[in-house]
Amino acid sequence: SGISSNGLFGTVLSSQVNSGAIGDGGDLTIKTGNLTARDGGVVQTDTFGNGNAGNLSIIAENIELSGTSPDSSFGTVLSSQVNPGAIGDGGDLTIETGNLTARDGAVVQTGTFGNGNAGNLSIIAENIELSGISSNGLFGTVLSSQVNSGAIGDGGDLTIKTGNLTARDGGVVQTDTFGNGNAGNLSIIAENIELSGTSPDSSFGTVLSSQVNPGAIGDGG
């Protein structure tokens, strides 16, 4: 949880291909009873260089993600990502848990900002609950696979298998493209799905979607 006292460093578990490096990142596997990340805590595999990001696999009884850093410069994130300037594909993000709770601007995502495809995001959980936005109102609580603006590559598929999926007050589940590439497919198998409300300031809706955004080149999932 949290960031350094000077605000420059987040609390991070990661496997990373750094800028200028040539080679693939390693896989990151976590098996635990409870995984809690808050106030800017990050678990990620990503690439800034010439190489693929590793896969991120999490097996836990309970996963709780919440908030951003006090100055909102760091989000609370589980991710695998191709960063701007990188050449390579993102890793797959796989989560198996009893309960996944994300709130107040926390993000679970695979995405690409560079030259490469985003990985797939797969979640198997008994219960999934998404709610709220960040304290500064800029970030929603999101499960997503995304092709971001300036990226060249396809988005990953987002697959959810759950007993109960609840999203409210700005919770978002989406695959979409803002760049040059197709959005991934969105597949949800659930006994119960409940969607309700918007963020308190109505800047974020509660959404399940796959879309091609303005300026993007590619197909929706």
Protein backbone atom coordinates (compact mmCIF):
# COMPACT_ATOMS: atom_id res chain seq x y z
CA SER A 1 0.00 0.00 0.00
CA GLY A 2 0.94 3.62 -0.51
CA ILE A 3 3.86 5.45 -2.13
CA SER A 4 7.21 6.83 -0.95
CA SER A 5 7.29 9.95 1.21
CA ASN A 6 8.64 12.01 -1.72
CA GLY A 7 5.81 10.83 -3.97
CA LEU A 8 8.14 9.41 -6.64
CA PHE A 9 7.84 5.66 -6.06
CA GLY A 10 4.88 3.36 -5.74
CA THR A 11 4.70 0.05 -3.91
CA VAL A 12 5.22 -2.52 -6.67
CA LEU A 13 5.50 -6.25 -7.39
CA SER A 14 6.63 -6.54 -11.00
CA SER A 15 8.39 -8.30 -13.84
CA GLN A 16 9.51 -5.81 -16.45
CA VAL A 17 11.37 -5.34 -19.75
CA ASN A 18 12.97 -1.94 -19.31
CA SER A 19 13.54 0.76 -21.91
CA GLY A 20 16.44 -0.16 -24.21
CA ALA A 21 16.35 -3.82 -23.25
CA ILE A 22 16.02 -6.65 -25.80
CA GLY A 23 14.37 -9.78 -24.48
CA ASP A 24 11.19 -11.07 -22.93
CA GLY A 25 9.99 -10.45 -19.41
CA GLY A 26 9.46 -13.30 -16.96
CA ASP A 27 6.15 -14.59 -15.67
CA LEU A 28 4.91 -13.43 -12.26
CA THR A 29 2.87 -15.97 -10.27
CA ILE A 30 1.24 -15.25 -6.90
CA LYS A 31 -0.51 -17.85 -4.73
CA THR A 32 -1.89 -16.50 -1.45
CA GLY A 33 -4.78 -16.52 0.95
CA ASN A 34 -5.44 -12.79 0.73
CA LEU A 35 -4.04 -10.16 -1.65
CA THR A 36 -4.67 -6.55 -0.67
CA ALA A 37 -3.44 -3.56 -2.70
CA ARG A 38 -4.49 -0.01 -1.90
CA ASP A 39 -3.49 3.64 -2.13
CA GLY A 40 -1.31 3.13 -5.21
CA GLY A 41 -0.10 -0.46 -4.77
CA VAL A 42 0.76 -2.10 -8.11
CA VAL A 43 1.20 -5.70 -9.29
CA GLN A 44 2.29 -5.84 -12.93
CA THR A 45 4.19 -7.39 -15.80
CA ASP A 46 5.01 -4.98 -18.58
CA THR A 47 7.41 -4.02 -21.34
CA PHE A 48 9.08 -0.70 -22.13
CA GLY A 49 11.67 -2.26 -24.45
CA ASN A 50 11.99 -4.71 -27.34
CA GLY A 51 10.38 -7.84 -26.02
CA ASN A 52 7.19 -9.38 -24.71
CA ALA A 53 5.87 -8.83 -21.22
CA GLY A 54 5.50 -11.91 -19.05
CA ASN A 55 2.23 -13.43 -17.90
CA LEU A 56 0.71 -12.48 -14.55
CA SER A 57 -1.15 -15.23 -12.67
CA ILE A 58 -2.85 -14.72 -9.31
CA ILE A 59 -4.52 -17.45 -7.25
CA ALA A 60 -6.00 -16.15 -4.00
CA GLU A 61 -8.93 -16.72 -1.67
CA ASN A 62 -9.65 -13.00 -1.57
CA ILE A 63 -8.39 -10.04 -3.61
CA GLU A 64 -9.14 -6.50 -2.48
CA LEU A 65 -8.06 -3.45 -4.49
CA SER A 66 -8.88 0.10 -3.51
CA GLY A 67 -8.12 3.73 -4.19
CA THR A 68 -5.19 5.68 -5.56
CA SER A 69 -2.19 7.36 -3.94
CA PRO A 70 -3.08 10.45 -1.87
CA ASP A 71 -2.06 12.76 -4.74
CA SER A 72 -3.72 10.46 -7.33
CA SER A 73 -0.42 10.11 -9.25
CA PHE A 74 -0.44 6.31 -8.75
CA GLY A 75 -3.42 4.04 -9.23
CA THR A 76 -3.98 0.72 -7.51
CA VAL A 77 -3.46 -1.68 -10.39
CA LEU A 78 -3.18 -5.32 -11.44
CA SER A 79 -1.95 -5.24 -15.03
CA SER A 80 0.09 -6.52 -17.94
CA GLN A 81 0.92 -3.78 -20.40
CA VAL A 82 2.83 -2.74 -23.52
CA ASN A 83 4.02 0.78 -22.74
CA PRO A 84 4.63 3.69 -25.15
CA GLY A 85 7.69 3.06 -27.33
CA ALA A 86 7.78 -0.67 -26.59
CA ILE A 87 7.81 -3.35 -29.29
CA GLY A 88 6.29 -6.60 -28.11
CA ASP A 89 3.13 -8.19 -26.85
CA GLY A 90 1.61 -7.88 -23.41
CA GLY A 91 1.24 -10.89 -21.18
CA ASP A 92 -1.95 -12.65 -20.19
CA LEU A 93 -3.47 -11.75 -16.81
CA THR A 94 -5.22 -14.67 -15.11
CA ILE A 95 -7.04 -14.40 -11.78
CA GLU A 96 -8.63 -17.24 -9.81
CA THR A 97 -10.24 -16.16 -6.55
CA GLY A 98 -13.17 -16.56 -4.24
CA ASN A 99 -13.86 -12.85 -4.01
CA LEU A 100 -12.55 -10.01 -6.16
CA THR A 101 -13.39 -6.55 -4.82
CA ALA A 102 -12.22 -3.39 -6.60
CA ARG A 103 -13.33 0.09 -5.61
CA ASP A 104 -12.53 3.79 -5.62
CA GLY A 105 -10.56 3.87 -8.87
CA ALA A 106 -8.73 0.52 -8.73
CA VAL A 107 -7.92 -1.06 -12.11
CA VAL A 108 -7.47 -4.62 -13.40
CA GLN A 109 -6.32 -4.50 -17.02
CA THR A 110 -4.32 -5.70 -19.97
CA GLY A 111 -3.48 -3.03 -22.49
CA THR A 112 -1.19 -1.70 -25.16
CA PHE A 113 0.18 1.80 -25.64
CA GLY A 114 2.99 0.64 -27.92
CA ASN A 115 3.62 -1.61 -30.90
CA GLY A 116 2.15 -4.93 -29.88
CA ASN A 117 -0.98 -6.77 -28.84
CA ALA A 118 -2.51 -6.61 -25.40
CA GLY A 119 -2.75 -9.89 -23.50
CA ASN A 120 -5.95 -11.65 -22.54
CA LEU A 121 -7.63 -11.02 -19.19
CA SER A 122 -9.34 -14.03 -17.59
CA ILE A 123 -11.11 -13.97 -14.24
CA ILE A 124 -12.68 -16.92 -12.43
CA ALA A 125 -14.32 -15.87 -9.16
CA GLU A 126 -17.25 -16.73 -6.95
CA ASN A 127 -18.03 -13.05 -6.47
CA ILE A 128 -16.87 -9.91 -8.29
CA GLU A 129 -17.76 -6.45 -7.00
CA LEU A 130 -16.77 -3.17 -8.69
CA SER A 131 -17.74 0.20 -7.28
CA GLY A 132 -16.93 3.89 -7.20
CA ILE A 133 -14.29 6.20 -8.64
CA SER A 134 -11.06 7.74 -7.40
CA SER A 135 -11.19 10.51 -4.81
CA ASN A 136 -10.24 13.15 -7.41
CA GLY A 137 -12.99 11.99 -9.76
CA LEU A 138 -10.61 11.18 -12.65
CA PHE A 139 -10.47 7.38 -12.58
CA GLY A 140 -13.21 4.78 -12.62
CA THR A 141 -13.02 1.29 -11.17
CA VAL A 142 -12.29 -0.85 -14.21
CA LEU A 143 -11.82 -4.38 -15.51
CA SER A 144 -10.56 -3.97 -19.07
CA SER A 145 -8.44 -4.92 -22.05
CA GLN A 146 -7.67 -1.88 -24.15
CA VAL A 147 -5.86 -0.59 -27.24
CA ASN A 148 -4.89 2.91 -26.21
CA SER A 149 -4.42 6.00 -28.34
CA GLY A 150 -1.22 5.77 -30.41
CA ALA A 151 -0.94 2.00 -30.03
CA ILE A 152 -0.62 -0.43 -32.93
CA GLY A 153 -1.96 -3.84 -32.04
CA ASP A 154 -5.08 -5.71 -31.01
CA GLY A 155 -6.73 -5.76 -27.63
CA GLY A 156 -6.99 -8.95 -25.64
CA ASP A 157 -10.13 -10.94 -24.88
CA LEU A 158 -11.80 -10.38 -21.50
CA THR A 159 -13.41 -13.52 -20.08
CA ILE A 160 -15.27 -13.62 -16.77
CA LYS A 161 -16.77 -16.69 -15.09
CA THR A 162 -18.48 -15.93 -11.81
CA GLY A 163 -21.42 -16.64 -9.58
CA ASN A 164 -22.18 -12.98 -8.97
CA LEU A 165 -21.01 -9.89 -10.86
CA THR A 166 -21.95 -6.59 -9.24
CA ALA A 167 -20.95 -3.23 -10.72
CA ARG A 168 -22.25 0.04 -9.32
CA ASP A 169 -21.54 3.73 -8.93
CA GLY A 170 -19.12 3.91 -11.87
CA GLY A 171 -17.83 0.34 -12.12
CA VAL A 172 -16.78 -0.56 -15.68
CA VAL A 173 -16.14 -3.84 -17.53
CA GLN A 174 -14.94 -3.26 -21.10
CA THR A 175 -12.84 -4.14 -24.10
CA ASP A 176 -12.23 -1.21 -26.41
CA THR A 177 -9.87 0.44 -28.86
CA PHE A 178 -8.68 4.02 -29.09
CA GLY A 179 -5.75 3.14 -31.38
CA ASN A 180 -4.90 1.16 -34.50
CA GLY A 181 -6.19 -2.30 -33.74
CA ASN A 182 -9.24 -4.38 -32.94
CA ALA A 183 -10.89 -4.49 -29.55
CA GLY A 184 -10.95 -7.89 -27.89
CA ASN A 185 -14.03 -9.99 -27.24
CA LEU A 186 -15.96 -9.63 -23.98
CA SER A 187 -17.43 -12.84 -22.58
CA ILE A 188 -19.25 -13.10 -19.25
CA ILE A 189 -20.73 -16.28 -17.75
CA ALA A 190 -22.51 -15.54 -14.48
CA GLU A 191 -25.43 -16.73 -12.39
CA ASN A 192 -26.29 -13.16 -11.46
CA ILE A 193 -25.31 -9.78 -12.95
CA GLU A 194 -26.31 -6.55 -11.23
CA LEU A 195 -25.52 -3.09 -12.65
CA SER A 196 -26.61 0.12 -10.97
CA GLY A 197 -26.02 3.84 -10.78
CA THR A 198 -23.30 6.25 -11.87
CA SER A 199 -20.43 7.89 -10.05
CA PRO A 200 -21.52 10.52 -7.51
CA ASP A 201 -20.76 13.35 -9.96
CA SER A 202 -22.27 11.39 -12.89
CA SER A 203 -18.94 11.57 -14.81
CA PHE A 204 -18.72 7.76 -14.98
CA GLY A 205 -21.52 5.39 -15.83
CA THR A 206 -21.73 1.76 -14.76
CA VAL A 207 -20.88 -0.07 -17.98
CA LEU A 208 -20.44 -3.43 -19.72
CA SER A 209 -19.11 -2.71 -23.22
CA SER A 210 -16.93 -3.47 -26.21
CA GLN A 211 -16.42 -0.48 -28.47
CA VAL A 212 -14.44 1.34 -31.13
CA ASN A 213 -13.85 4.88 -29.94
CA PRO A 214 -13.55 8.05 -32.08
CA GLY A 215 -10.25 8.15 -33.98
CA ALA A 216 -9.64 4.43 -33.64
CA ILE A 217 -9.00 2.11 -36.59
CA GLY A 218 -10.26 -1.40 -36.05
CA ASP A 219 -13.21 -3.60 -35.17
CA GLY A 220 -15.09 -3.95 -31.92
CA GLY A 221 -15.12 -7.26 -30.06
